[in-house]
């Protein structure tokens, strides 16, 4: 498995495998047809499905967008947030659960699966996934973003030029 990038956080292959194992367990326990973890932008971190499905990337983006709009509704209603969102269709249902503040757990299931069972299993899985995410955040290297360094250097060089000093850019190192 390869690394996955999500909101400036690189998820290691080992963590992606742990997430996939959580999703597999959730599907085995719940009889869901699809489970996936996406970041807030809708990028798929990991997904498990009982059948071959196309369009998971599109589904992830649309669910993330719907979730974001519901969070704005929560704000307007003076709610802190909506942690769990349930969408019910004629044949299929989707539960979306917040995992920490970075990820969303998405579970697709049919009308034969009890919503109460799904909610209990989703809460348990979200807790496990939050622990995996927290560990990844702790292990993440604390590297200054290059763009900030470049902006800071450009600002300093501009100030130096204004006050008659020689810029300290990459070609003008002090001797």
N, C-alpha and C. Protein backbone atom coordinates (compact mmCIF):
# COMPACT_ATOMS: atom_id res chain seq x y z
N UNK A 1 0.84 -1.19 0.00
CA UNK A 1 0.00 0.00 0.00
C UNK A 1 0.88 1.24 0.00
N UNK A 2 0.39 2.30 -0.58
CA UNK A 2 1.17 3.52 -0.65
C UNK A 2 0.68 4.52 0.37
N UNK A 3 1.52 5.54 0.57
CA UNK A 3 1.12 6.62 1.48
C UNK A 3 -0.07 7.36 0.90
N UNK A 4 -0.88 7.92 1.77
CA UNK A 4 -2.01 8.75 1.34
C UNK A 4 -1.83 10.12 1.97
N UNK A 5 -2.01 11.18 1.16
CA UNK A 5 -1.92 12.53 1.69
C UNK A 5 -3.32 13.03 1.96
N UNK A 6 -3.50 13.65 3.11
CA UNK A 6 -4.79 14.17 3.49
C UNK A 6 -4.60 15.43 4.32
N UNK A 7 -5.08 16.55 3.81
CA UNK A 7 -5.02 17.82 4.53
C UNK A 7 -3.68 18.03 5.23
N UNK A 8 -2.61 18.00 4.46
CA UNK A 8 -1.25 18.21 4.95
C UNK A 8 -0.76 17.13 5.89
N UNK A 9 -1.43 16.00 5.92
CA UNK A 9 -1.02 14.89 6.76
C UNK A 9 -0.78 13.69 5.85
N UNK A 10 0.39 13.10 5.97
CA UNK A 10 0.70 11.92 5.18
C UNK A 10 0.37 10.70 6.03
N UNK A 11 -0.50 9.85 5.50
CA UNK A 11 -0.91 8.64 6.19
C UNK A 11 -0.01 7.51 5.71
N UNK A 12 0.68 6.87 6.62
CA UNK A 12 1.62 5.82 6.27
C UNK A 12 0.89 4.60 5.71
N UNK A 13 1.59 3.78 4.94
CA UNK A 13 0.97 2.55 4.42
C UNK A 13 0.46 1.65 5.55
N UNK A 14 1.18 1.60 6.66
CA UNK A 14 0.77 0.80 7.81
C UNK A 14 -0.57 1.31 8.38
N UNK A 15 -0.70 2.63 8.47
CA UNK A 15 -1.95 3.21 8.99
C UNK A 15 -3.10 2.98 8.01
N UNK A 16 -2.83 3.06 6.70
CA UNK A 16 -3.87 2.79 5.70
C UNK A 16 -4.34 1.34 5.84
N UNK A 17 -3.40 0.44 6.10
CA UNK A 17 -3.76 -0.98 6.30
C UNK A 17 -4.61 -1.14 7.57
N UNK A 18 -4.28 -0.40 8.62
CA UNK A 18 -5.08 -0.45 9.85
C UNK A 18 -6.49 0.07 9.61
N UNK A 19 -6.59 1.15 8.86
CA UNK A 19 -7.90 1.71 8.52
C UNK A 19 -8.70 0.70 7.71
N UNK A 20 -8.06 0.07 6.73
CA UNK A 20 -8.75 -0.93 5.90
C UNK A 20 -9.23 -2.10 6.76
N UNK A 21 -8.43 -2.52 7.74
CA UNK A 21 -8.83 -3.61 8.64
C UNK A 21 -10.05 -3.21 9.47
N UNK A 22 -10.09 -1.97 9.92
CA UNK A 22 -11.26 -1.47 10.67
C UNK A 22 -12.51 -1.51 9.79
N UNK A 23 -12.35 -1.11 8.54
CA UNK A 23 -13.49 -1.10 7.62
C UNK A 23 -13.97 -2.51 7.32
N UNK A 24 -13.03 -3.44 7.18
CA UNK A 24 -13.40 -4.84 6.93
C UNK A 24 -14.18 -5.41 8.12
N UNK A 25 -13.72 -5.11 9.32
CA UNK A 25 -14.42 -5.59 10.52
C UNK A 25 -15.82 -4.98 10.60
N UNK A 26 -15.93 -3.69 10.32
CA UNK A 26 -17.23 -3.03 10.33
C UNK A 26 -18.18 -3.68 9.34
N UNK A 27 -17.69 -3.99 8.15
CA UNK A 27 -18.55 -4.61 7.15
C UNK A 27 -18.95 -6.02 7.56
N UNK A 28 -18.03 -6.76 8.15
CA UNK A 28 -18.35 -8.12 8.60
C UNK A 28 -19.39 -8.10 9.72
N UNK A 29 -19.27 -7.14 10.63
CA UNK A 29 -20.19 -7.05 11.77
C UNK A 29 -21.56 -6.49 11.40
N UNK A 30 -21.61 -5.64 10.37
CA UNK A 30 -22.84 -4.92 10.07
C UNK A 30 -23.58 -5.40 8.82
N UNK A 31 -22.90 -6.16 7.97
CA UNK A 31 -23.46 -6.56 6.69
C UNK A 31 -23.68 -5.36 5.76
N UNK A 32 -22.88 -4.32 5.93
CA UNK A 32 -22.94 -3.16 5.05
C UNK A 32 -22.38 -3.54 3.68
N UNK A 33 -22.74 -2.77 2.67
CA UNK A 33 -22.24 -3.06 1.32
C UNK A 33 -20.99 -2.25 0.97
N UNK A 34 -20.76 -1.14 1.67
CA UNK A 34 -19.60 -0.30 1.42
C UNK A 34 -19.25 0.45 2.70
N UNK A 35 -17.97 0.55 2.96
CA UNK A 35 -17.50 1.43 4.03
C UNK A 35 -16.24 2.11 3.53
N UNK A 36 -16.09 3.37 3.87
CA UNK A 36 -14.89 4.09 3.45
C UNK A 36 -14.60 5.22 4.41
N UNK A 37 -13.34 5.61 4.42
CA UNK A 37 -12.90 6.76 5.18
C UNK A 37 -12.42 7.79 4.17
N UNK A 38 -12.93 9.00 4.32
CA UNK A 38 -12.54 10.11 3.44
C UNK A 38 -12.07 11.26 4.31
N UNK A 39 -11.29 12.14 3.72
CA UNK A 39 -10.93 13.35 4.45
C UNK A 39 -12.01 14.40 4.19
N UNK A 40 -11.89 15.55 4.81
CA UNK A 40 -12.94 16.57 4.69
C UNK A 40 -13.09 17.12 3.27
N UNK A 41 -12.08 16.92 2.43
CA UNK A 41 -12.18 17.35 1.03
C UNK A 41 -12.80 16.27 0.16
N UNK A 42 -13.02 15.08 0.74
CA UNK A 42 -13.64 13.99 0.00
C UNK A 42 -12.67 13.00 -0.60
N UNK A 43 -11.37 13.19 -0.35
CA UNK A 43 -10.38 12.22 -0.85
C UNK A 43 -10.52 10.91 -0.08
N UNK A 44 -10.55 9.81 -0.81
CA UNK A 44 -10.72 8.50 -0.19
C UNK A 44 -9.38 8.05 0.41
N UNK A 45 -9.40 7.78 1.72
CA UNK A 45 -8.23 7.25 2.42
C UNK A 45 -8.19 5.74 2.24
N UNK A 46 -9.32 5.10 2.48
CA UNK A 46 -9.45 3.64 2.31
C UNK A 46 -10.92 3.33 2.08
N UNK A 47 -11.17 2.24 1.34
CA UNK A 47 -12.55 1.83 1.07
C UNK A 47 -12.61 0.31 0.96
N UNK A 48 -13.71 -0.22 1.44
CA UNK A 48 -14.00 -1.66 1.33
C UNK A 48 -15.41 -1.79 0.78
N UNK A 49 -15.58 -2.72 -0.16
CA UNK A 49 -16.89 -2.90 -0.77
C UNK A 49 -17.15 -4.37 -1.04
N UNK A 50 -18.40 -4.79 -0.91
CA UNK A 50 -18.77 -6.18 -1.19
C UNK A 50 -18.78 -6.46 -2.69
N UNK A 51 -18.94 -5.42 -3.49
CA UNK A 51 -18.98 -5.59 -4.94
C UNK A 51 -18.11 -4.53 -5.59
N UNK A 52 -17.72 -4.77 -6.82
CA UNK A 52 -16.91 -3.80 -7.55
C UNK A 52 -17.73 -2.52 -7.76
N UNK A 53 -17.21 -1.41 -7.35
CA UNK A 53 -17.91 -0.12 -7.49
C UNK A 53 -17.02 0.88 -8.20
N UNK A 54 -17.61 1.60 -9.10
CA UNK A 54 -16.88 2.70 -9.73
C UNK A 54 -17.41 4.00 -9.13
N UNK A 55 -16.66 5.03 -9.29
CA UNK A 55 -17.12 6.34 -8.84
C UNK A 55 -16.95 6.61 -7.35
N UNK A 56 -16.07 5.85 -6.66
CA UNK A 56 -15.89 6.09 -5.22
C UNK A 56 -15.31 7.48 -4.96
N UNK A 57 -14.41 7.93 -5.83
CA UNK A 57 -13.83 9.27 -5.65
C UNK A 57 -14.92 10.34 -5.74
N UNK A 58 -15.79 10.20 -6.74
CA UNK A 58 -16.90 11.15 -6.89
C UNK A 58 -17.84 11.09 -5.69
N UNK A 59 -18.15 9.87 -5.25
CA UNK A 59 -19.02 9.69 -4.09
C UNK A 59 -18.40 10.35 -2.86
N UNK A 60 -17.10 10.16 -2.67
CA UNK A 60 -16.41 10.78 -1.53
C UNK A 60 -16.51 12.29 -1.54
N UNK A 61 -16.29 12.89 -2.70
CA UNK A 61 -16.36 14.35 -2.81
C UNK A 61 -17.78 14.85 -2.54
N UNK A 62 -18.78 14.17 -3.09
CA UNK A 62 -20.17 14.59 -2.89
C UNK A 62 -20.60 14.44 -1.43
N UNK A 63 -20.20 13.35 -0.78
CA UNK A 63 -20.55 13.16 0.63
C UNK A 63 -19.87 14.21 1.48
N UNK A 64 -18.60 14.51 1.19
CA UNK A 64 -17.89 15.55 1.95
C UNK A 64 -18.56 16.91 1.77
N UNK A 65 -19.01 17.21 0.56
CA UNK A 65 -19.69 18.48 0.29
C UNK A 65 -21.02 18.55 1.04
N UNK A 66 -21.78 17.45 1.01
CA UNK A 66 -23.06 17.41 1.73
C UNK A 66 -22.81 17.57 3.23
N UNK A 67 -21.79 16.92 3.73
CA UNK A 67 -21.46 17.00 5.16
C UNK A 67 -21.06 18.44 5.53
N UNK A 68 -20.27 19.08 4.67
CA UNK A 68 -19.86 20.46 4.93
C UNK A 68 -21.07 21.39 4.98
N UNK A 69 -22.03 21.19 4.08
CA UNK A 69 -23.21 22.06 4.09
C UNK A 69 -24.05 21.81 5.35
N UNK A 70 -24.10 20.55 5.80
CA UNK A 70 -24.83 20.27 7.04
C UNK A 70 -24.14 20.88 8.26
N UNK A 71 -22.83 20.97 8.22
CA UNK A 71 -22.11 21.61 9.32
C UNK A 71 -22.42 23.10 9.36
N UNK A 72 -22.60 23.70 8.20
CA UNK A 72 -22.98 25.11 8.14
C UNK A 72 -24.41 25.29 8.68
N UNK A 73 -25.29 24.35 8.37
CA UNK A 73 -26.64 24.38 8.94
C UNK A 73 -26.57 24.27 10.46
N UNK A 74 -25.72 23.39 10.95
CA UNK A 74 -25.55 23.25 12.41
C UNK A 74 -25.11 24.58 13.03
N UNK A 75 -24.17 25.25 12.36
CA UNK A 75 -23.70 26.54 12.87
C UNK A 75 -24.84 27.55 12.92
N UNK A 76 -25.66 27.59 11.88
CA UNK A 76 -26.78 28.52 11.85
C UNK A 76 -27.81 28.21 12.94
N UNK A 77 -27.92 26.94 13.29
CA UNK A 77 -28.84 26.52 14.36
C UNK A 77 -28.20 26.60 15.75
N UNK A 78 -26.97 27.11 15.77
CA UNK A 78 -26.21 27.25 17.01
C UNK A 78 -25.91 25.90 17.66
N UNK A 79 -25.77 24.88 16.81
CA UNK A 79 -25.30 23.57 17.23
C UNK A 79 -23.79 23.56 17.05
N UNK A 80 -23.09 22.78 17.87
CA UNK A 80 -21.65 22.69 17.68
C UNK A 80 -21.35 22.02 16.34
N UNK A 81 -22.01 20.90 16.07
CA UNK A 81 -21.88 20.21 14.79
C UNK A 81 -22.88 19.06 14.76
N UNK A 82 -22.99 18.45 13.59
CA UNK A 82 -23.72 17.20 13.46
C UNK A 82 -22.67 16.11 13.34
N UNK A 83 -22.54 15.28 14.34
CA UNK A 83 -21.53 14.22 14.35
C UNK A 83 -21.91 13.08 13.41
N UNK A 84 -23.19 12.76 13.37
CA UNK A 84 -23.68 11.63 12.57
C UNK A 84 -24.77 12.14 11.64
N UNK A 85 -24.68 11.73 10.38
CA UNK A 85 -25.68 12.12 9.38
C UNK A 85 -26.20 10.84 8.73
N UNK A 86 -27.51 10.74 8.62
CA UNK A 86 -28.15 9.58 7.99
C UNK A 86 -28.93 10.05 6.77
N UNK A 87 -28.65 9.43 5.63
CA UNK A 87 -29.41 9.67 4.40
C UNK A 87 -30.14 8.37 4.08
N UNK A 88 -31.46 8.47 3.89
CA UNK A 88 -32.25 7.27 3.60
C UNK A 88 -32.89 7.38 2.23
N UNK A 89 -32.62 6.37 1.41
CA UNK A 89 -33.26 6.24 0.11
C UNK A 89 -34.27 5.11 0.16
N UNK A 90 -34.83 4.76 -0.97
CA UNK A 90 -35.79 3.67 -1.01
C UNK A 90 -35.12 2.32 -0.74
N UNK A 91 -33.91 2.14 -1.28
CA UNK A 91 -33.22 0.87 -1.11
C UNK A 91 -31.96 0.97 -0.27
N UNK A 92 -31.31 2.09 -0.30
CA UNK A 92 -30.01 2.21 0.38
C UNK A 92 -30.00 3.37 1.36
N UNK A 93 -29.15 3.22 2.36
CA UNK A 93 -28.96 4.25 3.37
C UNK A 93 -27.47 4.53 3.50
N UNK A 94 -27.15 5.76 3.86
CA UNK A 94 -25.76 6.15 4.08
C UNK A 94 -25.67 6.81 5.45
N UNK A 95 -24.74 6.33 6.26
CA UNK A 95 -24.41 7.00 7.52
C UNK A 95 -23.03 7.59 7.37
N UNK A 96 -22.90 8.85 7.75
CA UNK A 96 -21.62 9.54 7.76
C UNK A 96 -21.33 9.96 9.19
N UNK A 97 -20.16 9.61 9.68
CA UNK A 97 -19.77 9.88 11.06
C UNK A 97 -18.45 10.65 11.08
N UNK A 98 -18.37 11.67 11.91
CA UNK A 98 -17.13 12.43 12.08
C UNK A 98 -16.10 11.59 12.81
N UNK A 99 -14.89 11.58 12.28
CA UNK A 99 -13.75 10.92 12.94
C UNK A 99 -12.76 12.01 13.27
N UNK A 100 -12.64 12.31 14.58
CA UNK A 100 -11.80 13.41 15.02
C UNK A 100 -12.30 14.66 14.28
N UNK A 101 -11.41 15.49 13.79
CA UNK A 101 -11.86 16.66 13.03
C UNK A 101 -11.38 16.59 11.59
N UNK A 102 -10.74 15.48 11.21
CA UNK A 102 -10.12 15.40 9.89
C UNK A 102 -10.81 14.46 8.92
N UNK A 103 -11.40 13.39 9.40
CA UNK A 103 -11.92 12.35 8.53
C UNK A 103 -13.42 12.16 8.70
N UNK A 104 -14.01 11.48 7.73
CA UNK A 104 -15.40 11.06 7.79
C UNK A 104 -15.46 9.57 7.50
N UNK A 105 -16.22 8.85 8.30
CA UNK A 105 -16.48 7.43 8.08
C UNK A 105 -17.83 7.34 7.38
N UNK A 106 -17.86 6.67 6.24
CA UNK A 106 -19.07 6.55 5.43
C UNK A 106 -19.43 5.07 5.32
N UNK A 107 -20.69 4.76 5.61
CA UNK A 107 -21.16 3.37 5.52
C UNK A 107 -22.44 3.34 4.70
N UNK A 108 -22.45 2.48 3.69
CA UNK A 108 -23.62 2.31 2.83
C UNK A 108 -24.22 0.94 3.13
N UNK A 109 -25.53 0.90 3.37
CA UNK A 109 -26.20 -0.36 3.71
C UNK A 109 -27.63 -0.34 3.20
N UNK A 110 -28.25 -1.51 3.12
CA UNK A 110 -29.60 -1.57 2.59
C UNK A 110 -30.65 -1.55 3.70
N UNK A 111 -31.92 -1.61 3.28
CA UNK A 111 -33.03 -1.46 4.24
C UNK A 111 -33.16 -2.64 5.19
N UNK A 112 -32.48 -3.74 4.92
CA UNK A 112 -32.58 -4.91 5.79
C UNK A 112 -31.67 -4.81 7.02
N UNK A 113 -30.71 -3.91 6.98
CA UNK A 113 -29.78 -3.72 8.11
C UNK A 113 -30.39 -2.70 9.06
N UNK A 114 -30.38 -3.00 10.34
CA UNK A 114 -30.96 -2.12 11.35
C UNK A 114 -30.09 -0.86 11.55
N UNK A 115 -30.73 0.30 11.49
CA UNK A 115 -30.02 1.57 11.66
C UNK A 115 -29.36 1.64 13.04
N UNK A 116 -30.02 1.15 14.06
CA UNK A 116 -29.45 1.18 15.41
C UNK A 116 -28.15 0.40 15.51
N UNK A 117 -28.11 -0.77 14.88
CA UNK A 117 -26.89 -1.58 14.86
C UNK A 117 -25.78 -0.82 14.16
N UNK A 118 -26.09 -0.24 13.02
CA UNK A 118 -25.09 0.53 12.27
C UNK A 118 -24.54 1.67 13.12
N UNK A 119 -25.41 2.39 13.80
CA UNK A 119 -24.96 3.52 14.62
C UNK A 119 -23.98 3.08 15.71
N UNK A 120 -24.29 1.97 16.38
CA UNK A 120 -23.40 1.46 17.44
C UNK A 120 -22.05 1.06 16.84
N UNK A 121 -22.08 0.32 15.75
CA UNK A 121 -20.84 -0.14 15.13
C UNK A 121 -20.03 1.02 14.54
N UNK A 122 -20.72 2.00 13.99
CA UNK A 122 -20.04 3.16 13.42
C UNK A 122 -19.35 3.97 14.52
N UNK A 123 -20.01 4.15 15.65
CA UNK A 123 -19.39 4.88 16.78
C UNK A 123 -18.13 4.16 17.24
N UNK A 124 -18.21 2.84 17.37
CA UNK A 124 -17.06 2.05 17.81
C UNK A 124 -15.91 2.18 16.80
N UNK A 125 -16.23 2.05 15.54
CA UNK A 125 -15.21 2.14 14.49
C UNK A 125 -14.61 3.54 14.42
N UNK A 126 -15.44 4.56 14.56
CA UNK A 126 -14.93 5.94 14.53
C UNK A 126 -13.95 6.19 15.66
N UNK A 127 -14.21 5.61 16.82
CA UNK A 127 -13.30 5.76 17.95
C UNK A 127 -11.94 5.12 17.64
N UNK A 128 -11.96 3.93 17.05
CA UNK A 128 -10.72 3.25 16.67
C UNK A 128 -9.98 4.04 15.60
N UNK A 129 -10.70 4.54 14.62
CA UNK A 129 -10.09 5.33 13.55
C UNK A 129 -9.49 6.63 14.10
N UNK A 130 -10.14 7.24 15.07
CA UNK A 130 -9.61 8.47 15.68
C UNK A 130 -8.27 8.20 16.34
N UNK A 131 -8.14 7.05 16.98
CA UNK A 131 -6.86 6.68 17.61
C UNK A 131 -5.77 6.52 16.55
N UNK A 132 -6.10 5.91 15.42
CA UNK A 132 -5.14 5.75 14.32
C UNK A 132 -4.73 7.12 13.79
N UNK A 133 -5.71 8.01 13.58
CA UNK A 133 -5.43 9.36 13.08
C UNK A 133 -4.56 10.13 14.07
N UNK A 134 -4.88 10.06 15.35
CA UNK A 134 -4.10 10.77 16.35
C UNK A 134 -2.65 10.31 16.36
N UNK A 135 -2.44 9.01 16.22
CA UNK A 135 -1.09 8.47 16.17
C UNK A 135 -0.35 8.98 14.94
N UNK A 136 -1.04 9.07 13.80
CA UNK A 136 -0.42 9.60 12.59
C UNK A 136 -0.05 11.07 12.75
N UNK A 137 -0.91 11.83 13.41
CA UNK A 137 -0.62 13.25 13.64
C UNK A 137 0.59 13.41 14.56
N UNK A 138 0.73 12.54 15.56
CA UNK A 138 1.88 12.61 16.46
C UNK A 138 3.17 12.26 15.74
N UNK A 139 3.10 11.33 14.82
CA UNK A 139 4.29 10.89 14.09
C UNK A 139 4.65 11.79 12.93
N UNK A 140 3.74 12.68 12.54
CA UNK A 140 3.96 13.54 11.37
C UNK A 140 5.15 14.45 11.62
N UNK A 141 6.03 14.57 10.64
CA UNK A 141 7.17 15.47 10.80
C UNK A 141 6.70 16.91 10.84
N UNK A 142 7.33 17.66 11.69
CA UNK A 142 7.01 19.09 11.82
C UNK A 142 7.96 19.87 10.92
N UNK A 143 7.57 20.01 9.66
CA UNK A 143 8.41 20.67 8.68
C UNK A 143 7.72 21.97 8.28
N UNK A 144 8.50 23.06 8.26
CA UNK A 144 7.95 24.33 7.80
C UNK A 144 7.61 24.21 6.33
N UNK A 145 6.52 24.76 5.95
CA UNK A 145 6.13 24.68 4.55
C UNK A 145 7.05 25.57 3.71
N UNK A 146 7.58 25.07 2.57
CA UNK A 146 8.52 25.83 1.74
C UNK A 146 7.95 27.17 1.28
N UNK A 147 6.66 27.21 1.00
CA UNK A 147 6.06 28.44 0.51
C UNK A 147 6.16 29.54 1.57
N UNK A 148 6.00 29.20 2.84
CA UNK A 148 6.13 30.19 3.90
C UNK A 148 7.55 30.70 3.98
N UNK A 149 8.54 29.79 3.86
CA UNK A 149 9.94 30.21 3.90
C UNK A 149 10.24 31.15 2.74
N UNK A 150 9.73 30.82 1.53
CA UNK A 150 9.97 31.65 0.36
C UNK A 150 9.33 33.02 0.54
N UNK A 151 8.12 33.07 1.08
CA UNK A 151 7.44 34.34 1.29
C UNK A 151 8.19 35.19 2.32
N UNK A 152 8.64 34.52 3.38
CA UNK A 152 9.38 35.23 4.43
C UNK A 152 10.68 35.80 3.86
N UNK A 153 11.39 34.98 3.04
CA UNK A 153 12.64 35.43 2.44
C UNK A 153 12.39 36.60 1.49
N UNK A 154 11.33 36.52 0.67
CA UNK A 154 11.01 37.60 -0.27
C UNK A 154 10.69 38.88 0.48
N UNK A 155 9.94 38.77 1.57
CA UNK A 155 9.61 39.96 2.36
C UNK A 155 10.88 40.56 2.97
N UNK A 156 11.77 39.72 3.49
CA UNK A 156 13.01 40.21 4.08
C UNK A 156 13.89 40.87 3.02
N UNK A 157 13.97 40.25 1.82
CA UNK A 157 14.76 40.84 0.75
C UNK A 157 14.20 42.19 0.33
N UNK A 158 12.89 42.33 0.28
CA UNK A 158 12.27 43.61 -0.07
C UNK A 158 12.60 44.67 0.96
N UNK A 159 12.53 44.32 2.23
CA UNK A 159 12.88 45.26 3.30
C UNK A 159 14.34 45.66 3.20
N UNK A 160 15.21 44.68 2.93
CA UNK A 160 16.63 44.98 2.78
C UNK A 160 16.89 45.95 1.63
N UNK A 161 16.18 45.74 0.49
CA UNK A 161 16.35 46.64 -0.64
C UNK A 161 15.88 48.05 -0.32
N UNK A 162 14.78 48.15 0.40
CA UNK A 162 14.24 49.46 0.78
C UNK A 162 15.24 50.23 1.63
N UNK A 163 15.91 49.53 2.53
CA UNK A 163 16.83 50.18 3.45
C UNK A 163 18.27 50.13 2.97
N UNK A 164 18.47 49.79 1.69
CA UNK A 164 19.79 49.86 1.09
C UNK A 164 20.73 48.73 1.43
N UNK A 165 20.24 47.63 1.92
CA UNK A 165 21.09 46.48 2.19
C UNK A 165 21.07 45.54 1.01
N UNK A 166 22.09 44.71 0.92
CA UNK A 166 22.15 43.68 -0.12
C UNK A 166 21.24 42.51 0.28
N UNK A 167 20.32 42.06 -0.60
CA UNK A 167 19.43 40.93 -0.27
C UNK A 167 20.22 39.68 0.09
N UNK A 168 19.64 38.85 0.95
CA UNK A 168 20.27 37.61 1.43
C UNK A 168 19.70 36.40 0.69
N UNK A 169 19.29 36.53 -0.55
CA UNK A 169 18.68 35.44 -1.30
C UNK A 169 19.63 34.29 -1.51
N UNK A 170 19.21 33.24 -2.22
CA UNK A 170 20.01 32.05 -2.41
C UNK A 170 21.33 32.32 -3.14
N UNK A 171 21.35 33.36 -4.00
CA UNK A 171 22.58 33.67 -4.74
C UNK A 171 23.47 34.66 -3.99
N UNK A 172 22.95 35.28 -2.94
CA UNK A 172 23.70 36.32 -2.22
C UNK A 172 23.92 35.93 -0.78
N UNK A 173 24.64 34.89 -0.54
CA UNK A 173 24.92 34.46 0.84
C UNK A 173 25.96 35.37 1.44
N UNK A 174 25.86 35.67 2.74
CA UNK A 174 26.86 36.52 3.36
C UNK A 174 28.21 35.81 3.40
N UNK A 175 29.28 36.57 3.22
CA UNK A 175 30.62 35.98 3.24
C UNK A 175 31.23 35.98 4.60
